[in-house]
Amino acid sequence: MITKLRRFLEAHTQAVSPEDKAHQLKLAAASMLLEVVFADETLSPQEAELLPKLLTETLSMSQADAQVLIDEAKKVQGNATSLFEFTTAINAEFSLEQKQQLLLAMWQLAYADGQLSQYEDQIIRRTADLLYLKHSELIHMRNIAIETTSHTQ
């Protein structure tokens, strides 16, 4: 597990081309979303359907690319030891707006099945702290997610 984590971090720090760097950032973001999906140890049909859609919207990618990224992120995410390794890369490159959009996507996934587990809530709150987002931004993104989820159900 440590070897795979080291390879992930080395790949990020050694990413030379803009394409490699962009891919590593997308992988980190997808891994963050998977943290929420698997926080309650169940992948609901709603979450499975919403995840690729959120990736296409949040990271501006095609549906096919989103599915490939999800598969790759599952491998990386399963070997992760903490949220810090993902948020470090995101903090270095994402704008405030991009961080807020990622947090919004995390909240949307958490509420996708109609229930917010305490583990999903904890992961999102820790992520917001690690992304240096204010509590008011955390609450604002949560409220948007609740509002949009209630309209789609």
C-alpha atoms as a PDB file:
ATOM      1  CA  MET A   1       0.000   0.000   0.000  1.00  0.00           C
ATOM      2  CA  ILE A   2       2.794   2.438   0.867  1.00  0.00           C
ATOM      3  CA  THR A   3       4.521   1.693  -2.430  1.00  0.00           C
ATOM      4  CA  LYS A   4       1.401   2.507  -4.444  1.00  0.00           C
ATOM      5  CA  LEU A   5       0.879   5.701  -2.477  1.00  0.00           C
ATOM      6  CA  ARG A   6       4.490   6.697  -3.051  1.00  0.00           C
ATOM      7  CA  ARG A   7       4.065   6.045  -6.794  1.00  0.00           C
ATOM      8  CA  PHE A   8       0.947   8.237  -6.858  1.00  0.00           C
ATOM      9  CA  LEU A   9       2.759  11.090  -5.136  1.00  0.00           C
ATOM     10  CA  GLU A  10       5.868  10.696  -7.270  1.00  0.00           C
ATOM     11  CA  ALA A  11       3.773  10.663 -10.421  1.00  0.00           C
ATOM     12  CA  HIS A  12       2.180  13.931  -9.322  1.00  0.00           C
ATOM     13  CA  THR A  13       5.459  15.628  -8.454  1.00  0.00           C
ATOM     14  CA  GLN A  14       7.136  14.384 -11.632  1.00  0.00           C
ATOM     15  CA  ALA A  15       4.289  15.330 -13.949  1.00  0.00           C
ATOM     16  CA  VAL A  16       6.084  17.395 -16.546  1.00  0.00           C
ATOM     17  CA  SER A  17       3.567  17.976 -19.256  1.00  0.00           C
ATOM     18  CA  PRO A  18       0.445  20.050 -18.668  1.00  0.00           C
ATOM     19  CA  GLU A  19      -1.621  17.018 -19.718  1.00  0.00           C
ATOM     20  CA  ASP A  20      -0.003  14.825 -17.053  1.00  0.00           C
ATOM     21  CA  LYS A  21      -0.503  17.493 -14.434  1.00  0.00           C
ATOM     22  CA  ALA A  22      -4.150  17.977 -15.429  1.00  0.00           C
ATOM     23  CA  HIS A  23      -4.747  14.226 -15.311  1.00  0.00           C
ATOM     24  CA  GLN A  24      -3.240  13.966 -11.818  1.00  0.00           C
ATOM     25  CA  LEU A  25      -5.491  16.788 -10.615  1.00  0.00           C
ATOM     26  CA  LYS A  26      -8.563  15.144 -12.107  1.00  0.00           C
ATOM     27  CA  LEU A  27      -7.544  11.872 -10.496  1.00  0.00           C
ATOM     28  CA  ALA A  28      -7.170  13.572  -7.113  1.00  0.00           C
ATOM     29  CA  ALA A  29     -10.599  15.215  -7.483  1.00  0.00           C
ATOM     30  CA  ALA A  30     -12.239  11.942  -8.538  1.00  0.00           C
ATOM     31  CA  SER A  31     -10.619  10.207  -5.578  1.00  0.00           C
ATOM     32  CA  MET A  32     -12.067  12.838  -3.253  1.00  0.00           C
ATOM     33  CA  LEU A  33     -15.531  12.161  -4.662  1.00  0.00           C
ATOM     34  CA  LEU A  34     -15.023   8.430  -4.174  1.00  0.00           C
ATOM     35  CA  GLU A  35     -14.141   9.079  -0.532  1.00  0.00           C
ATOM     36  CA  VAL A  36     -17.688  10.389  -0.097  1.00  0.00           C
ATOM     37  CA  VAL A  37     -19.276   7.583  -2.109  1.00  0.00           C
ATOM     38  CA  PHE A  38     -17.608   4.876  -0.035  1.00  0.00           C
ATOM     39  CA  ALA A  39     -17.821   6.678   3.322  1.00  0.00           C
ATOM     40  CA  ASP A  40     -20.974   4.792   4.267  1.00  0.00           C
ATOM     41  CA  GLU A  41     -19.585   1.600   2.707  1.00  0.00           C
ATOM     42  CA  THR A  42     -22.394   1.395   0.157  1.00  0.00           C
ATOM     43  CA  LEU A  43     -22.627   2.562  -3.423  1.00  0.00           C
ATOM     44  CA  SER A  44     -26.256   3.421  -3.998  1.00  0.00           C
ATOM     45  CA  PRO A  45     -27.689   3.345  -7.521  1.00  0.00           C
ATOM     46  CA  GLN A  46     -28.212   7.119  -7.253  1.00  0.00           C
ATOM     47  CA  GLU A  47     -24.552   7.678  -6.362  1.00  0.00           C
ATOM     48  CA  ALA A  48     -23.365   5.377  -9.154  1.00  0.00           C
ATOM     49  CA  GLU A  49     -25.453   7.335 -11.651  1.00  0.00           C
ATOM     50  CA  LEU A  50     -24.511  10.771 -10.320  1.00  0.00           C
ATOM     51  CA  LEU A  51     -20.736  10.287 -10.012  1.00  0.00           C
ATOM     52  CA  PRO A  52     -19.871  10.305 -13.760  1.00  0.00           C
ATOM     53  CA  LYS A  53     -22.272  13.201 -14.329  1.00  0.00           C
ATOM     54  CA  LEU A  54     -20.596  15.269 -11.605  1.00  0.00           C
ATOM     55  CA  LEU A  55     -17.165  14.505 -13.018  1.00  0.00           C
ATOM     56  CA  THR A  56     -18.190  15.616 -16.494  1.00  0.00           C
ATOM     57  CA  GLU A  57     -19.614  18.866 -15.102  1.00  0.00           C
ATOM     58  CA  THR A  58     -17.000  19.637 -12.432  1.00  0.00           C
ATOM     59  CA  LEU A  59     -13.910  18.634 -14.417  1.00  0.00           C
ATOM     60  CA  SER A  60     -15.139  19.380 -17.952  1.00  0.00           C
ATOM     61  CA  MET A  61     -14.628  15.919 -19.404  1.00  0.00           C
ATOM     62  CA  SER A  62     -16.540  13.452 -21.536  1.00  0.00           C
ATOM     63  CA  GLN A  63     -18.687  10.689 -20.065  1.00  0.00           C
ATOM     64  CA  ALA A  64     -16.266   8.032 -21.356  1.00  0.00           C
ATOM     65  CA  ASP A  65     -13.254   9.838 -19.862  1.00  0.00           C
ATOM     66  CA  ALA A  66     -15.141  10.181 -16.577  1.00  0.00           C
ATOM     67  CA  GLN A  67     -15.735   6.434 -16.424  1.00  0.00           C
ATOM     68  CA  VAL A  68     -12.057   5.689 -17.111  1.00  0.00           C
ATOM     69  CA  LEU A  69     -11.086   8.196 -14.416  1.00  0.00           C
ATOM     70  CA  ILE A  70     -13.490   6.602 -11.922  1.00  0.00           C
ATOM     71  CA  ASP A  71     -11.937   3.190 -12.523  1.00  0.00           C
ATOM     72  CA  GLU A  72      -8.440   4.598 -12.072  1.00  0.00           C
ATOM     73  CA  ALA A  73      -9.448   6.602  -8.991  1.00  0.00           C
ATOM     74  CA  LYS A  74     -10.904   3.483  -7.356  1.00  0.00           C
ATOM     75  CA  LYS A  75      -7.464   1.897  -7.508  1.00  0.00           C
ATOM     76  CA  VAL A  76      -5.697   4.965  -6.123  1.00  0.00           C
ATOM     77  CA  GLN A  77      -8.372   5.827  -3.573  1.00  0.00           C
ATOM     78  CA  GLY A  78      -8.365   2.346  -2.085  1.00  0.00           C
ATOM     79  CA  ASN A  79      -4.679   2.723  -1.299  1.00  0.00           C
ATOM     80  CA  ALA A  80      -4.867   6.217   0.131  1.00  0.00           C
ATOM     81  CA  THR A  81      -4.061   6.759   3.769  1.00  0.00           C
ATOM     82  CA  SER A  82      -5.505  10.246   4.159  1.00  0.00           C
ATOM     83  CA  LEU A  83      -7.348  13.055   2.429  1.00  0.00           C
ATOM     84  CA  PHE A  84      -4.242  15.213   2.724  1.00  0.00           C
ATOM     85  CA  GLU A  85      -2.473  13.593  -0.221  1.00  0.00           C
ATOM     86  CA  PHE A  86      -5.343  14.503  -2.546  1.00  0.00           C
ATOM     87  CA  THR A  87      -6.005  17.982  -1.173  1.00  0.00           C
ATOM     88  CA  THR A  88      -2.353  18.999  -1.440  1.00  0.00           C
ATOM     89  CA  ALA A  89      -2.437  18.673  -5.227  1.00  0.00           C
ATOM     90  CA  ILE A  90      -5.823  20.363  -5.441  1.00  0.00           C
ATOM     91  CA  ASN A  91      -4.729  23.284  -3.237  1.00  0.00           C
ATOM     92  CA  ALA A  92      -1.716  23.869  -5.435  1.00  0.00           C
ATOM     93  CA  GLU A  93      -3.692  24.146  -8.662  1.00  0.00           C
ATOM     94  CA  PHE A  94      -7.431  24.709  -8.123  1.00  0.00           C
ATOM     95  CA  SER A  95      -8.939  28.166  -7.879  1.00  0.00           C
ATOM     96  CA  LEU A  96     -11.315  29.014  -5.041  1.00  0.00           C
ATOM     97  CA  GLU A  97     -14.260  28.503  -7.390  1.00  0.00           C
ATOM     98  CA  GLN A  98     -12.986  25.071  -8.474  1.00  0.00           C
ATOM     99  CA  LYS A  99     -12.571  24.029  -4.830  1.00  0.00           C
ATOM    100  CA  GLN A 100     -16.118  25.173  -4.112  1.00  0.00           C
ATOM    101  CA  GLN A 101     -17.423  23.205  -7.114  1.00  0.00           C
ATOM    102  CA  LEU A 102     -15.609  20.097  -5.888  1.00  0.00           C
ATOM    103  CA  LEU A 103     -17.109  20.546  -2.427  1.00  0.00           C
ATOM    104  CA  LEU A 104     -20.555  21.037  -3.969  1.00  0.00           C
ATOM    105  CA  ALA A 105     -20.125  17.797  -5.943  1.00  0.00           C
ATOM    106  CA  MET A 106     -19.158  16.006  -2.726  1.00  0.00           C
ATOM    107  CA  TRP A 107     -22.313  17.267  -0.991  1.00  0.00           C
ATOM    108  CA  GLN A 108     -24.447  16.276  -3.999  1.00  0.00           C
ATOM    109  CA  LEU A 109     -23.061  12.742  -3.860  1.00  0.00           C
ATOM    110  CA  ALA A 110     -23.647  12.584  -0.127  1.00  0.00           C
ATOM    111  CA  TYR A 111     -27.298  13.559  -0.532  1.00  0.00           C
ATOM    112  CA  ALA A 112     -27.873  11.507  -3.715  1.00  0.00           C
ATOM    113  CA  ASP A 113     -29.399   8.573  -1.858  1.00  0.00           C
ATOM    114  CA  GLY A 114     -31.553  10.849   0.281  1.00  0.00           C
ATOM    115  CA  GLN A 115     -29.541  10.190   3.439  1.00  0.00           C
ATOM    116  CA  LEU A 116     -26.453  11.912   4.792  1.00  0.00           C
ATOM    117  CA  SER A 117     -24.383   9.530   6.871  1.00  0.00           C
ATOM    118  CA  GLN A 118     -22.174  10.907   9.625  1.00  0.00           C
ATOM    119  CA  TYR A 119     -19.143   9.534   7.784  1.00  0.00           C
ATOM    120  CA  GLU A 120     -20.002  11.387   4.590  1.00  0.00           C
ATOM    121  CA  ASP A 121     -20.497  14.563   6.610  1.00  0.00           C
ATOM    122  CA  GLN A 122     -17.156  14.115   8.407  1.00  0.00           C
ATOM    123  CA  ILE A 123     -15.222  13.551   5.176  1.00  0.00           C
ATOM    124  CA  ILE A 124     -16.719  16.607   3.517  1.00  0.00           C
ATOM    125  CA  ARG A 125     -16.035  18.801   6.541  1.00  0.00           C
ATOM    126  CA  ARG A 126     -12.428  17.573   6.805  1.00  0.00           C
ATOM    127  CA  THR A 127     -11.978  18.140   3.085  1.00  0.00           C
ATOM    128  CA  ALA A 128     -13.278  21.707   3.377  1.00  0.00           C
ATOM    129  CA  ASP A 129     -10.749  22.354   6.139  1.00  0.00           C
ATOM    130  CA  LEU A 130      -7.903  20.850   4.098  1.00  0.00           C
ATOM    131  CA  LEU A 131      -8.932  22.950   1.086  1.00  0.00           C
ATOM    132  CA  TYR A 132      -8.864  26.075   3.288  1.00  0.00           C
ATOM    133  CA  LEU A 133     -12.532  26.813   2.658  1.00  0.00           C
ATOM    134  CA  LYS A 134     -14.470  28.872   5.169  1.00  0.00           C
ATOM    135  CA  HIS A 135     -17.255  27.336   7.207  1.00  0.00           C
ATOM    136  CA  SER A 136     -19.704  29.674   5.474  1.00  0.00           C
ATOM    137  CA  GLU A 137     -18.592  28.265   2.082  1.00  0.00           C
ATOM    138  CA  LEU A 138     -19.068  24.724   3.383  1.00  0.00           C
ATOM    139  CA  ILE A 139     -22.608  25.528   4.528  1.00  0.00           C
ATOM    140  CA  HIS A 140     -23.432  27.440   1.333  1.00  0.00           C
ATOM    141  CA  MET A 141     -22.359  24.503  -0.867  1.00  0.00           C
ATOM    142  CA  ARG A 142     -24.330  22.099   1.356  1.00  0.00           C
ATOM    143  CA  ASN A 143     -27.456  24.251   1.058  1.00  0.00           C
ATOM    144  CA  ILE A 144     -27.136  24.361  -2.736  1.00  0.00           C
ATOM    145  CA  ALA A 145     -26.746  20.575  -2.808  1.00  0.00           C
ATOM    146  CA  ILE A 146     -29.809  20.082  -0.607  1.00  0.00           C
ATOM    147  CA  GLU A 147     -31.844  22.443  -2.772  1.00  0.00           C
ATOM    148  CA  THR A 148     -30.825  20.805  -6.050  1.00  0.00           C
ATOM    149  CA  THR A 149     -31.318  17.299  -4.634  1.00  0.00           C
ATOM    150  CA  SER A 150     -34.818  18.079  -3.411  1.00  0.00           C
ATOM    151  CA  HIS A 151     -35.766  19.372  -6.879  1.00  0.00           C
ATOM    152  CA  THR A 152     -34.576  16.205  -8.628  1.00  0.00           C
ATOM    153  CA  GLN A 153     -36.298  13.742  -6.314  1.00  0.00           C
END
